[in-house]
Amino acid sequence: MAYLSKEGRTLIEKRIKEAGGNGVLLDNDKTEAMLTQIEDEARAIDSHARIDEMVDLMRSEIAGRLAV
């Protein structure tokens, strides 16, 4: 949300829901496919946002939460 405001939050919630819910985060291939889709759509929302940084942070957060 810090990168794309409310539109970004809506996008991410929508993609997780369409991918089958939070369980998608347990499957690396599905997570990567979802993140690629989020990245593409985020660029359409705001091509000037730091999308690469956003996706890298998401990957880090997902990995960190799964490691616990």
Protein backbone atom coordinates (compact mmCIF):
# COMPACT_ATOMS: atom_id res chain seq x y z
CA MET A 1 0.00 0.00 0.00
CA ALA A 2 2.93 2.33 0.62
CA TYR A 3 3.84 2.10 -3.06
CA LEU A 4 0.45 2.26 -4.77
CA SER A 5 -1.94 3.51 -2.07
CA LYS A 6 -5.45 2.08 -1.90
CA GLU A 7 -5.37 0.78 -5.47
CA GLY A 8 -2.33 -1.33 -4.63
CA ARG A 9 -3.99 -2.87 -1.60
CA THR A 10 -7.07 -3.73 -3.66
CA LEU A 11 -4.90 -5.25 -6.39
CA ILE A 12 -2.99 -7.46 -3.96
CA GLU A 13 -6.10 -8.60 -2.10
CA LYS A 14 -7.77 -9.43 -5.42
CA ARG A 15 -4.79 -11.42 -6.73
CA ILE A 16 -4.44 -13.42 -3.50
CA LYS A 17 -8.16 -14.21 -3.50
CA GLU A 18 -8.11 -15.25 -7.18
CA ALA A 19 -5.04 -17.44 -6.56
CA GLY A 20 -6.92 -19.39 -3.89
CA GLY A 21 -6.29 -17.43 -0.72
CA ASN A 22 -3.31 -17.11 1.58
CA GLY A 23 -2.37 -20.74 0.96
CA VAL A 24 -0.91 -19.66 -2.39
CA LEU A 25 1.99 -18.19 -0.41
CA LEU A 26 3.07 -21.70 0.57
CA ASP A 27 3.73 -22.65 -3.08
CA ASN A 28 6.78 -20.92 -4.56
CA ASP A 29 5.71 -21.34 -8.19
CA LYS A 30 2.21 -19.99 -7.56
CA THR A 31 3.59 -17.15 -5.46
CA GLU A 32 6.02 -16.13 -8.20
CA ALA A 33 3.26 -16.26 -10.83
CA MET A 34 1.06 -14.10 -8.63
CA LEU A 35 3.88 -11.61 -7.97
CA THR A 36 4.57 -11.33 -11.69
CA GLN A 37 0.92 -10.59 -12.30
CA ILE A 38 0.90 -8.02 -9.49
CA GLU A 39 4.03 -6.42 -10.91
CA ASP A 40 2.49 -6.07 -14.38
CA GLU A 41 -0.75 -4.63 -13.05
CA ALA A 42 1.05 -2.31 -10.63
CA ARG A 43 2.95 -0.77 -13.52
CA ALA A 44 -0.39 -0.03 -15.20
CA ILE A 45 -1.61 1.70 -12.02
CA ASP A 46 1.51 3.86 -11.62
CA SER A 47 4.43 3.42 -13.97
CA HIS A 48 6.50 5.83 -11.85
CA ALA A 49 6.16 3.87 -8.62
CA ARG A 50 9.09 1.80 -7.38
CA ILE A 51 7.49 -1.48 -8.46
CA ASP A 52 10.68 -3.56 -8.43
CA GLU A 53 11.36 -2.45 -4.87
CA MET A 54 7.76 -3.23 -3.91
CA VAL A 55 7.87 -6.77 -5.33
CA ASP A 56 11.27 -7.45 -3.72
CA LEU A 57 9.88 -6.33 -0.37
CA MET A 58 6.85 -8.58 -0.83
CA ARG A 59 9.11 -11.56 -1.57
CA SER A 60 11.14 -10.79 1.53
CA GLU A 61 8.06 -10.47 3.73
CA ILE A 62 6.59 -13.72 2.42
CA ALA A 63 9.84 -15.62 2.96
CA GLY A 64 10.30 -14.11 6.40
CA ARG A 65 6.82 -15.01 7.57
CA LEU A 66 7.10 -18.56 6.25
CA ALA A 67 10.41 -19.05 8.04
CA VAL A 68 8.80 -18.49 11.44
